[in-house]
Amino acid sequence: MSIMAIQRSGLIEIHAAVLLFGLAGLFGKFLALPAWSIVLGRTGFASLALGMVLLFSTRNQWPREGKTICLFACLGMVLAVHWITFFHAIQISSVAVGLLAFSTFPVFITVMEPWWFREKRRIVDAGTALLVLVGLGIMVYPSPFGGQVFSGVLWGTLSGFTFAVLSLLNRKWARQYPPVVIAFCQNTAAALFLLPMVIGAEGRIDSTQLGLLAVLGVFCTAVAHTLFIRGLTFARAQLASVIACLEPVYGIGFAFFLLHETPSAHTLTGGAVILMTALVAMVRRADI
């Protein structure tokens, strides 16, 4: 296979992964369950699928030090909070609002990274943060304080912030352990962290909901992450970051055709500002 064909294959895998990531947001509407229940199902099935992958993999490096294992467990808790806030944002507002507010995460990374790793600070980072605030303001206007859109933007932005924290913390470990091992450990920790909540929960999950959770965990999480990681092997990280910006676009498209959700002009305008700012932030970060 030629180099060009290999690169094309990598790009297809990244696009497929981002498509699945965009579809994941719709499960917040498909499933009439609390956000924590959806995340428990997602991480539980993802752990099983990733565990099967690792079972047949011969070259895996696992964390052995107690301190590292505890840190991985903490990262799993951050992952759980990230996904709970993400699905909650979608449930109380719309798929578009939740996805677009979550898309602020590259800007959080760009702003926080120099402080965390003692790297050079740039004035342009403050400019990108200001543009994101403008985009969020456009999305919220003219929603009343505490309204559905306002609340959805707040929870979605919190989801973006927690994902940025997770990404920065993973930056160190990604150089020491295979990404699939990291994903398995964090999903397992997240599932174990949420499992005690089942004790006081009311109601039962039927077979249809269980099937949807399996699709979410296996395809939209485990398979999507595997495809994205494989794609990065053959495609430039900068180009992958650009493709990742299509996640809310795919999600909004799915929501329009499957849920008949039509985002407002304010949501689309504010979202466009956020996406363009996030795209610039990721491209600049990849070039440094």
C-alpha atoms as a PDB file:
ATOM      1  CA  MET A   1       0.000   0.000   0.000  1.00  0.00           C
ATOM      2  CA  SER A   2       1.378   3.439  -0.965  1.00  0.00           C
ATOM      3  CA  ILE A   3       2.064   6.181   1.578  1.00  0.00           C
ATOM      4  CA  MET A   4      -0.773   8.265   0.154  1.00  0.00           C
ATOM      5  CA  ALA A   5      -3.209   5.358   0.469  1.00  0.00           C
ATOM      6  CA  ILE A   6      -2.106   4.761   4.072  1.00  0.00           C
ATOM      7  CA  GLN A   7      -2.615   8.442   4.924  1.00  0.00           C
ATOM      8  CA  ARG A   8      -6.032   8.366   3.252  1.00  0.00           C
ATOM      9  CA  SER A   9      -6.953   5.311   5.311  1.00  0.00           C
ATOM     10  CA  GLY A  10      -5.891   7.131   8.483  1.00  0.00           C
ATOM     11  CA  LEU A  11      -8.022  10.151   7.607  1.00  0.00           C
ATOM     12  CA  ILE A  12     -11.048   7.909   6.952  1.00  0.00           C
ATOM     13  CA  GLU A  13     -10.580   6.279  10.368  1.00  0.00           C
ATOM     14  CA  ILE A  14     -10.346   9.694  12.084  1.00  0.00           C
ATOM     15  CA  HIS A  15     -13.477  10.919  10.274  1.00  0.00           C
ATOM     16  CA  ALA A  16     -15.324   7.735  11.301  1.00  0.00           C
ATOM     17  CA  ALA A  17     -14.228   8.223  14.920  1.00  0.00           C
ATOM     18  CA  VAL A  18     -15.366  11.864  14.985  1.00  0.00           C
ATOM     19  CA  LEU A  19     -18.668  10.817  13.406  1.00  0.00           C
ATOM     20  CA  LEU A  20     -19.209   8.340  16.250  1.00  0.00           C
ATOM     21  CA  PHE A  21     -18.179  10.952  18.835  1.00  0.00           C
ATOM     22  CA  GLY A  22     -20.791  13.310  17.376  1.00  0.00           C
ATOM     23  CA  LEU A  23     -23.444  10.593  17.508  1.00  0.00           C
ATOM     24  CA  ALA A  24     -22.716   9.972  21.220  1.00  0.00           C
ATOM     25  CA  GLY A  25     -24.379  13.234  22.235  1.00  0.00           C
ATOM     26  CA  LEU A  26     -27.750  12.056  20.946  1.00  0.00           C
ATOM     27  CA  PHE A  27     -27.888   9.311  23.565  1.00  0.00           C
ATOM     28  CA  GLY A  28     -28.607  12.033  26.105  1.00  0.00           C
ATOM     29  CA  LYS A  29     -31.970  12.352  24.338  1.00  0.00           C
ATOM     30  CA  PHE A  30     -32.427   8.703  23.321  1.00  0.00           C
ATOM     31  CA  LEU A  31     -32.146   7.501  26.919  1.00  0.00           C
ATOM     32  CA  ALA A  32     -34.659   8.659  29.547  1.00  0.00           C
ATOM     33  CA  LEU A  33     -32.104   8.077  32.292  1.00  0.00           C
ATOM     34  CA  PRO A  34     -30.143  10.324  34.666  1.00  0.00           C
ATOM     35  CA  ALA A  35     -26.836  11.512  33.235  1.00  0.00           C
ATOM     36  CA  TRP A  36     -24.842   9.458  35.750  1.00  0.00           C
ATOM     37  CA  SER A  37     -26.672   6.265  34.668  1.00  0.00           C
ATOM     38  CA  ILE A  38     -25.801   6.915  31.031  1.00  0.00           C
ATOM     39  CA  VAL A  39     -22.153   7.480  31.947  1.00  0.00           C
ATOM     40  CA  LEU A  40     -22.063   4.329  34.098  1.00  0.00           C
ATOM     41  CA  GLY A  41     -23.384   2.288  31.177  1.00  0.00           C
ATOM     42  CA  ARG A  42     -21.041   3.990  28.726  1.00  0.00           C
ATOM     43  CA  THR A  43     -17.899   3.467  30.795  1.00  0.00           C
ATOM     44  CA  GLY A  44     -18.921  -0.047  31.813  1.00  0.00           C
ATOM     45  CA  PHE A  45     -19.432  -1.306  28.260  1.00  0.00           C
ATOM     46  CA  ALA A  46     -16.396   0.640  27.034  1.00  0.00           C
ATOM     47  CA  SER A  47     -14.255  -1.051  29.704  1.00  0.00           C
ATOM     48  CA  LEU A  48     -15.458  -4.484  28.602  1.00  0.00           C
ATOM     49  CA  ALA A  49     -14.745  -3.742  24.936  1.00  0.00           C
ATOM     50  CA  LEU A  50     -11.325  -2.192  25.612  1.00  0.00           C
ATOM     51  CA  GLY A  51     -10.514  -5.085  27.947  1.00  0.00           C
ATOM     52  CA  MET A  52     -11.177  -7.538  25.106  1.00  0.00           C
ATOM     53  CA  VAL A  53      -8.834  -5.550  22.860  1.00  0.00           C
ATOM     54  CA  LEU A  54      -6.097  -5.597  25.490  1.00  0.00           C
ATOM     55  CA  LEU A  55      -6.647  -9.302  26.144  1.00  0.00           C
ATOM     56  CA  PHE A  56      -5.548 -10.111  22.602  1.00  0.00           C
ATOM     57  CA  SER A  57      -2.768  -7.521  22.572  1.00  0.00           C
ATOM     58  CA  THR A  58       0.716  -8.803  23.346  1.00  0.00           C
ATOM     59  CA  ARG A  59       2.563  -5.544  24.025  1.00  0.00           C
ATOM     60  CA  ASN A  60       0.915  -3.622  26.850  1.00  0.00           C
ATOM     61  CA  GLN A  61       2.604  -1.593  29.543  1.00  0.00           C
ATOM     62  CA  TRP A  62       0.577  -1.287  32.742  1.00  0.00           C
ATOM     63  CA  PRO A  63       1.015   1.104  35.671  1.00  0.00           C
ATOM     64  CA  ARG A  64       2.497  -0.720  38.662  1.00  0.00           C
ATOM     65  CA  GLU A  65       3.304   1.989  41.211  1.00  0.00           C
ATOM     66  CA  GLY A  66       0.613   2.689  43.778  1.00  0.00           C
ATOM     67  CA  LYS A  67       0.875   6.445  43.223  1.00  0.00           C
ATOM     68  CA  THR A  68       0.356   6.074  39.457  1.00  0.00           C
ATOM     69  CA  ILE A  69      -2.618   3.740  39.951  1.00  0.00           C
ATOM     70  CA  CYS A  70      -4.230   6.262  42.326  1.00  0.00           C
ATOM     71  CA  LEU A  71      -3.660   9.065  39.820  1.00  0.00           C
ATOM     72  CA  PHE A  72      -5.275   6.979  37.068  1.00  0.00           C
ATOM     73  CA  ALA A  73      -8.245   6.404  39.368  1.00  0.00           C
ATOM     74  CA  CYS A  74      -8.537  10.160  39.925  1.00  0.00           C
ATOM     75  CA  LEU A  75      -8.438  10.718  36.179  1.00  0.00           C
ATOM     76  CA  GLY A  76     -11.312   8.243  35.866  1.00  0.00           C
ATOM     77  CA  MET A  77     -13.325  10.368  38.295  1.00  0.00           C
ATOM     78  CA  VAL A  78     -12.598  13.465  36.194  1.00  0.00           C
ATOM     79  CA  LEU A  79     -13.735  11.528  33.114  1.00  0.00           C
ATOM     80  CA  ALA A  80     -16.983  10.608  34.893  1.00  0.00           C
ATOM     81  CA  VAL A  81     -17.644  14.247  35.843  1.00  0.00           C
ATOM     82  CA  HIS A  82     -16.859  15.340  32.284  1.00  0.00           C
ATOM     83  CA  TRP A  83     -19.376  12.970  30.710  1.00  0.00           C
ATOM     84  CA  ILE A  84     -22.045  13.579  33.354  1.00  0.00           C
ATOM     85  CA  THR A  85     -21.915  17.338  32.762  1.00  0.00           C
ATOM     86  CA  PHE A  86     -21.893  16.729  28.994  1.00  0.00           C
ATOM     87  CA  PHE A  87     -25.041  14.585  28.955  1.00  0.00           C
ATOM     88  CA  HIS A  88     -26.764  16.778  31.533  1.00  0.00           C
ATOM     89  CA  ALA A  89     -26.167  19.837  29.330  1.00  0.00           C
ATOM     90  CA  ILE A  90     -27.809  18.067  26.398  1.00  0.00           C
ATOM     91  CA  GLN A  91     -30.717  16.773  28.461  1.00  0.00           C
ATOM     92  CA  ILE A  92     -31.699  20.178  29.863  1.00  0.00           C
ATOM     93  CA  SER A  93     -31.195  22.092  26.588  1.00  0.00           C
ATOM     94  CA  SER A  94     -30.416  20.585  23.182  1.00  0.00           C
ATOM     95  CA  VAL A  95     -27.784  18.531  21.392  1.00  0.00           C
ATOM     96  CA  ALA A  96     -26.518  21.634  19.590  1.00  0.00           C
ATOM     97  CA  VAL A  97     -26.138  23.710  22.766  1.00  0.00           C
ATOM     98  CA  GLY A  98     -24.392  20.910  24.672  1.00  0.00           C
ATOM     99  CA  LEU A  99     -21.966  20.056  21.859  1.00  0.00           C
ATOM    100  CA  LEU A 100     -21.099  23.642  20.988  1.00  0.00           C
ATOM    101  CA  ALA A 101     -20.545  24.663  24.616  1.00  0.00           C
ATOM    102  CA  PHE A 102     -18.353  21.565  25.113  1.00  0.00           C
ATOM    103  CA  SER A 103     -16.322  22.656  22.070  1.00  0.00           C
ATOM    104  CA  THR A 104     -14.712  25.350  24.230  1.00  0.00           C
ATOM    105  CA  PHE A 105     -12.227  22.756  25.531  1.00  0.00           C
ATOM    106  CA  PRO A 106      -9.364  23.548  23.079  1.00  0.00           C
ATOM    107  CA  VAL A 107      -9.357  27.141  24.290  1.00  0.00           C
ATOM    108  CA  PHE A 108      -9.226  26.022  27.930  1.00  0.00           C
ATOM    109  CA  ILE A 109      -6.243  23.832  27.003  1.00  0.00           C
ATOM    110  CA  THR A 110      -4.524  26.697  25.182  1.00  0.00           C
ATOM    111  CA  VAL A 111      -4.976  29.055  28.128  1.00  0.00           C
ATOM    112  CA  MET A 112      -4.098  26.582  30.928  1.00  0.00           C
ATOM    113  CA  GLU A 113      -1.242  24.690  29.285  1.00  0.00           C
ATOM    114  CA  PRO A 114       1.454  27.402  29.717  1.00  0.00           C
ATOM    115  CA  TRP A 115       0.604  27.709  33.434  1.00  0.00           C
ATOM    116  CA  TRP A 116       0.633  23.973  34.062  1.00  0.00           C
ATOM    117  CA  PHE A 117       3.848  23.191  32.177  1.00  0.00           C
ATOM    118  CA  ARG A 118       5.688  26.483  32.701  1.00  0.00           C
ATOM    119  CA  GLU A 119       5.694  27.274  29.020  1.00  0.00           C
ATOM    120  CA  LYS A 120       5.757  30.656  27.326  1.00  0.00           C
ATOM    121  CA  ARG A 121       2.555  32.634  27.767  1.00  0.00           C
ATOM    122  CA  ARG A 122       1.104  34.417  24.732  1.00  0.00           C
ATOM    123  CA  ILE A 123      -1.191  37.425  24.538  1.00  0.00           C
ATOM    124  CA  VAL A 124      -3.146  35.729  21.747  1.00  0.00           C
ATOM    125  CA  ASP A 125      -4.333  33.107  24.263  1.00  0.00           C
ATOM    126  CA  ALA A 126      -6.202  35.810  26.173  1.00  0.00           C
ATOM    127  CA  GLY A 127      -7.742  36.901  22.859  1.00  0.00           C
ATOM    128  CA  THR A 128      -9.032  33.411  22.094  1.00  0.00           C
ATOM    129  CA  ALA A 129     -10.540  33.147  25.583  1.00  0.00           C
ATOM    130  CA  LEU A 130     -12.312  36.481  25.055  1.00  0.00           C
ATOM    131  CA  LEU A 131     -13.703  35.334  21.690  1.00  0.00           C
ATOM    132  CA  VAL A 132     -15.074  32.177  23.288  1.00  0.00           C
ATOM    133  CA  LEU A 133     -16.862  34.288  25.894  1.00  0.00           C
ATOM    134  CA  VAL A 134     -18.337  36.335  23.053  1.00  0.00           C
ATOM    135  CA  GLY A 135     -19.525  33.152  21.344  1.00  0.00           C
ATOM    136  CA  LEU A 136     -21.083  31.846  24.548  1.00  0.00           C
ATOM    137  CA  GLY A 137     -22.776  35.210  25.097  1.00  0.00           C
ATOM    138  CA  ILE A 138     -24.297  35.090  21.616  1.00  0.00           C
ATOM    139  CA  MET A 139     -25.572  31.558  22.252  1.00  0.00           C
ATOM    140  CA  VAL A 140     -27.184  32.523  25.542  1.00  0.00           C
ATOM    141  CA  TYR A 141     -28.765  35.767  24.340  1.00  0.00           C
ATOM    142  CA  PRO A 142     -31.716  36.363  24.686  1.00  0.00           C
ATOM    143  CA  SER A 143     -32.271  33.337  26.978  1.00  0.00           C
ATOM    144  CA  PRO A 144     -33.308  34.377  30.512  1.00  0.00           C
ATOM    145  CA  PHE A 145     -30.931  33.823  33.398  1.00  0.00           C
ATOM    146  CA  GLY A 146     -31.397  30.227  34.541  1.00  0.00           C
ATOM    147  CA  GLY A 147     -33.274  29.280  31.355  1.00  0.00           C
ATOM    148  CA  GLN A 148     -32.705  26.062  29.417  1.00  0.00           C
ATOM    149  CA  VAL A 149     -30.162  27.499  26.987  1.00  0.00           C
ATOM    150  CA  PHE A 150     -28.326  29.414  29.722  1.00  0.00           C
ATOM    151  CA  SER A 151     -28.132  26.311  31.948  1.00  0.00           C
ATOM    152  CA  GLY A 152     -27.139  24.100  29.013  1.00  0.00           C
ATOM    153  CA  VAL A 153     -24.296  26.470  28.093  1.00  0.00           C
ATOM    154  CA  LEU A 154     -23.026  26.513  31.690  1.00  0.00           C
ATOM    155  CA  TRP A 155     -23.032  22.722  32.025  1.00  0.00           C
ATOM    156  CA  GLY A 156     -21.595  22.255  28.527  1.00  0.00           C
ATOM    157  CA  THR A 157     -18.786  24.714  29.264  1.00  0.00           C
ATOM    158  CA  LEU A 158     -18.067  22.882  32.530  1.00  0.00           C
ATOM    159  CA  SER A 159     -17.860  19.691  30.476  1.00  0.00           C
ATOM    160  CA  GLY A 160     -15.357  21.368  28.153  1.00  0.00           C
ATOM    161  CA  PHE A 161     -13.312  22.586  31.116  1.00  0.00           C
ATOM    162  CA  THR A 162     -13.149  19.141  32.760  1.00  0.00           C
ATOM    163  CA  PHE A 163     -12.176  17.570  29.426  1.00  0.00           C
ATOM    164  CA  ALA A 164      -9.379  20.134  29.094  1.00  0.00           C
ATOM    165  CA  VAL A 165      -8.160  19.236  32.598  1.00  0.00           C
ATOM    166  CA  LEU A 166      -8.281  15.540  31.665  1.00  0.00           C
ATOM    167  CA  SER A 167      -6.366  16.160  28.430  1.00  0.00           C
ATOM    168  CA  LEU A 168      -3.627  18.121  30.181  1.00  0.00           C
ATOM    169  CA  LEU A 169      -3.232  15.495  32.894  1.00  0.00           C
ATOM    170  CA  ASN A 170      -3.104  12.764  30.246  1.00  0.00           C
ATOM    171  CA  ARG A 171      -0.355  14.615  28.379  1.00  0.00           C
ATOM    172  CA  LYS A 172       2.279  13.166  30.716  1.00  0.00           C
ATOM    173  CA  TRP A 173       0.946   9.612  30.780  1.00  0.00           C
ATOM    174  CA  ALA A 174       0.412   9.376  27.016  1.00  0.00           C
ATOM    175  CA  ARG A 175       4.199   9.321  26.637  1.00  0.00           C
ATOM    176  CA  GLN A 176       4.602   6.396  29.037  1.00  0.00           C
ATOM    177  CA  TYR A 177       1.609   4.112  28.419  1.00  0.00           C
ATOM    178  CA  PRO A 178      -0.340   2.988  25.334  1.00  0.00           C
ATOM    179  CA  PRO A 179      -3.492   5.109  24.793  1.00  0.00           C
ATOM    180  CA  VAL A 180      -5.719   2.010  24.894  1.00  0.00           C
ATOM    181  CA  VAL A 181      -4.343   1.125  28.342  1.00  0.00           C
ATOM    182  CA  ILE A 182      -5.014   4.667  29.557  1.00  0.00           C
ATOM    183  CA  ALA A 183      -8.553   4.608  28.129  1.00  0.00           C
ATOM    184  CA  PHE A 184      -9.263   1.214  29.727  1.00  0.00           C
ATOM    185  CA  CYS A 185      -7.976   2.271  33.159  1.00  0.00           C
ATOM    186  CA  GLN A 186      -9.882   5.549  33.143  1.00  0.00           C
ATOM    187  CA  ASN A 187     -13.162   4.066  31.903  1.00  0.00           C
ATOM    188  CA  THR A 188     -12.921   1.281  34.478  1.00  0.00           C
ATOM    189  CA  ALA A 189     -12.181   3.770  37.269  1.00  0.00           C
ATOM    190  CA  ALA A 190     -15.093   5.954  36.158  1.00  0.00           C
ATOM    191  CA  ALA A 191     -17.472   2.960  36.156  1.00  0.00           C
ATOM    192  CA  LEU A 192     -16.335   1.860  39.631  1.00  0.00           C
ATOM    193  CA  PHE A 193     -16.666   5.431  40.890  1.00  0.00           C
ATOM    194  CA  LEU A 194     -20.296   5.606  39.727  1.00  0.00           C
ATOM    195  CA  LEU A 195     -21.299   2.038  40.623  1.00  0.00           C
ATOM    196  CA  PRO A 196     -22.277   2.793  44.287  1.00  0.00           C
ATOM    197  CA  MET A 197     -24.940   5.218  43.027  1.00  0.00           C
ATOM    198  CA  VAL A 198     -26.933   2.222  41.782  1.00  0.00           C
ATOM    199  CA  ILE A 199     -27.727   1.274  45.397  1.00  0.00           C
ATOM    200  CA  GLY A 200     -30.067   4.205  46.024  1.00  0.00           C
ATOM    201  CA  ALA A 201     -31.361   4.472  42.467  1.00  0.00           C
ATOM    202  CA  GLU A 202     -35.022   3.994  41.625  1.00  0.00           C
ATOM    203  CA  GLY A 203     -36.443   2.297  38.552  1.00  0.00           C
ATOM    204  CA  ARG A 204     -34.991  -0.320  36.246  1.00  0.00           C
ATOM    205  CA  ILE A 205     -33.224  -0.300  32.904  1.00  0.00           C
ATOM    206  CA  ASP A 206     -35.102  -2.251  30.232  1.00  0.00           C
ATOM    207  CA  SER A 207     -33.544  -4.259  27.412  1.00  0.00           C
ATOM    208  CA  THR A 208     -33.870  -1.420  24.878  1.00  0.00           C
ATOM    209  CA  GLN A 209     -32.041   1.022  27.125  1.00  0.00           C
ATOM    210  CA  LEU A 210     -29.398  -1.609  27.878  1.00  0.00           C
ATOM    211  CA  GLY A 211     -28.897  -2.127  24.146  1.00  0.00           C
ATOM    212  CA  LEU A 212     -28.504   1.620  23.567  1.00  0.00           C
ATOM    213  CA  LEU A 213     -25.971   1.838  26.391  1.00  0.00           C
ATOM    214  CA  ALA A 214     -24.028  -1.024  24.789  1.00  0.00           C
ATOM    215  CA  VAL A 215     -23.959   0.819  21.448  1.00  0.00           C
ATOM    216  CA  LEU A 216     -22.832   3.989  23.220  1.00  0.00           C
ATOM    217  CA  GLY A 217     -20.107   2.222  25.185  1.00  0.00           C
ATOM    218  CA  VAL A 218     -18.804  -0.131  22.503  1.00  0.00           C
ATOM    219  CA  PHE A 219     -19.147   1.824  19.256  1.00  0.00           C
ATOM    220  CA  CYS A 220     -19.267   5.497  20.288  1.00  0.00           C
ATOM    221  CA  THR A 221     -16.556   5.073  22.919  1.00  0.00           C
ATOM    222  CA  ALA A 222     -14.293   2.020  22.596  1.00  0.00           C
ATOM    223  CA  VAL A 223     -14.404   1.661  18.783  1.00  0.00           C
ATOM    224  CA  ALA A 224     -14.307   5.435  18.252  1.00  0.00           C
ATOM    225  CA  HIS A 225     -11.247   5.870  20.469  1.00  0.00           C
ATOM    226  CA  THR A 226      -9.502   2.917  18.811  1.00  0.00           C
ATOM    227  CA  LEU A 227     -10.165   4.328  15.326  1.00  0.00           C
ATOM    228  CA  PHE A 228      -8.989   7.783  16.354  1.00  0.00           C
ATOM    229  CA  ILE A 229      -5.779   6.407  17.877  1.00  0.00           C
ATOM    230  CA  ARG A 230      -5.113   4.241  14.801  1.00  0.00           C
ATOM    231  CA  GLY A 231      -5.767   7.191  12.522  1.00  0.00           C
ATOM    232  CA  LEU A 232      -3.205   9.306  14.388  1.00  0.00           C
ATOM    233  CA  THR A 233      -0.598   6.702  13.448  1.00  0.00           C
ATOM    234  CA  PHE A 234      -0.980   7.617   9.774  1.00  0.00           C
ATOM    235  CA  ALA A 235      -2.218  11.226   9.827  1.00  0.00           C
ATOM    236  CA  ARG A 236      -0.756  14.432  11.221  1.00  0.00           C
ATOM    237  CA  ALA A 237      -2.012  15.387  14.678  1.00  0.00           C
ATOM    238  CA  GLN A 238      -2.763  18.924  13.477  1.00  0.00           C
ATOM    239  CA  LEU A 239      -5.036  17.637  10.703  1.00  0.00           C
ATOM    240  CA  ALA A 240      -6.722  15.278  13.177  1.00  0.00           C
ATOM    241  CA  SER A 241      -7.420  18.264  15.447  1.00  0.00           C
ATOM    242  CA  VAL A 242      -9.057  20.103  12.562  1.00  0.00           C
ATOM    243  CA  ILE A 243     -11.243  17.084  11.779  1.00  0.00           C
ATOM    244  CA  ALA A 244     -12.178  16.831  15.477  1.00  0.00           C
ATOM    245  CA  CYS A 245     -13.831  20.255  15.136  1.00  0.00           C
ATOM    246  CA  LEU A 246     -16.471  18.529  13.001  1.00  0.00           C
ATOM    247  CA  GLU A 247     -17.818  16.647  16.034  1.00  0.00           C
ATOM    248  CA  PRO A 248     -20.534  19.236  16.883  1.00  0.00           C
ATOM    249  CA  VAL A 249     -21.315  19.617  13.167  1.00  0.00           C
ATOM    250  CA  TYR A 250     -21.947  15.881  12.848  1.00  0.00           C
ATOM    251  CA  GLY A 251     -23.866  15.848  16.133  1.00  0.00           C
ATOM    252  CA  ILE A 252     -26.118  18.741  15.110  1.00  0.00           C
ATOM    253  CA  GLY A 253     -26.739  17.031  11.766  1.00  0.00           C
ATOM    254  CA  PHE A 254     -27.694  13.771  13.465  1.00  0.00           C
ATOM    255  CA  ALA A 255     -29.971  15.664  15.873  1.00  0.00           C
ATOM    256  CA  PHE A 256     -31.689  17.431  12.971  1.00  0.00           C
ATOM    257  CA  PHE A 257     -32.462  14.222  11.061  1.00  0.00           C
ATOM    258  CA  LEU A 258     -33.073  11.827  13.968  1.00  0.00           C
ATOM    259  CA  LEU A 259     -34.539  14.106  16.643  1.00  0.00           C
ATOM    260  CA  HIS A 260     -35.888  16.921  14.442  1.00  0.00           C
ATOM    261  CA  GLU A 261     -33.985  19.480  16.523  1.00  0.00           C
ATOM    262  CA  THR A 262     -33.427  22.776  14.734  1.00  0.00           C
ATOM    263  CA  PRO A 263     -30.912  25.043  16.502  1.00  0.00           C
ATOM    264  CA  SER A 264     -31.727  28.745  16.749  1.00  0.00           C
ATOM    265  CA  ALA A 265     -29.857  31.443  14.834  1.00  0.00           C
ATOM    266  CA  HIS A 266     -28.229  32.602  18.090  1.00  0.00           C
ATOM    267  CA  THR A 267     -27.010  29.088  18.840  1.00  0.00           C
ATOM    268  CA  LEU A 268     -25.533  28.634  15.365  1.00  0.00           C
ATOM    269  CA  THR A 269     -23.904  32.083  15.308  1.00  0.00           C
ATOM    270  CA  GLY A 270     -22.377  31.736  18.765  1.00  0.00           C
ATOM    271  CA  GLY A 271     -21.350  28.174  17.971  1.00  0.00           C
ATOM    272  CA  ALA A 272     -19.621  29.304  14.765  1.00  0.00           C
ATOM    273  CA  VAL A 273     -17.572  31.833  16.761  1.00  0.00           C
ATOM    274  CA  ILE A 274     -16.604  29.141  19.284  1.00  0.00           C
ATOM    275  CA  LEU A 275     -15.692  26.574  16.612  1.00  0.00           C
ATOM    276  CA  MET A 276     -13.568  29.028  14.624  1.00  0.00           C
ATOM    277  CA  THR A 277     -11.779  30.133  17.796  1.00  0.00           C
ATOM    278  CA  ALA A 278     -11.243  26.521  18.889  1.00  0.00           C
ATOM    279  CA  LEU A 279      -9.924  25.639  15.433  1.00  0.00           C
ATOM    280  CA  VAL A 280      -7.416  28.503  15.488  1.00  0.00           C
ATOM    281  CA  ALA A 281      -6.364  27.571  19.033  1.00  0.00           C
ATOM    282  CA  MET A 282      -5.733  23.924  18.060  1.00  0.00           C
ATOM    283  CA  VAL A 283      -3.825  24.828  14.885  1.00  0.00           C
ATOM    284  CA  ARG A 284      -1.596  27.296  16.756  1.00  0.00           C
ATOM    285  CA  ARG A 285      -1.006  24.764  19.521  1.00  0.00           C
ATOM    286  CA  ALA A 286      -0.014  22.090  16.996  1.00  0.00           C
ATOM    287  CA  ASP A 287       2.448  24.456  15.324  1.00  0.00           C
ATOM    288  CA  ILE A 288       4.262  25.353  18.571  1.00  0.00           C
END
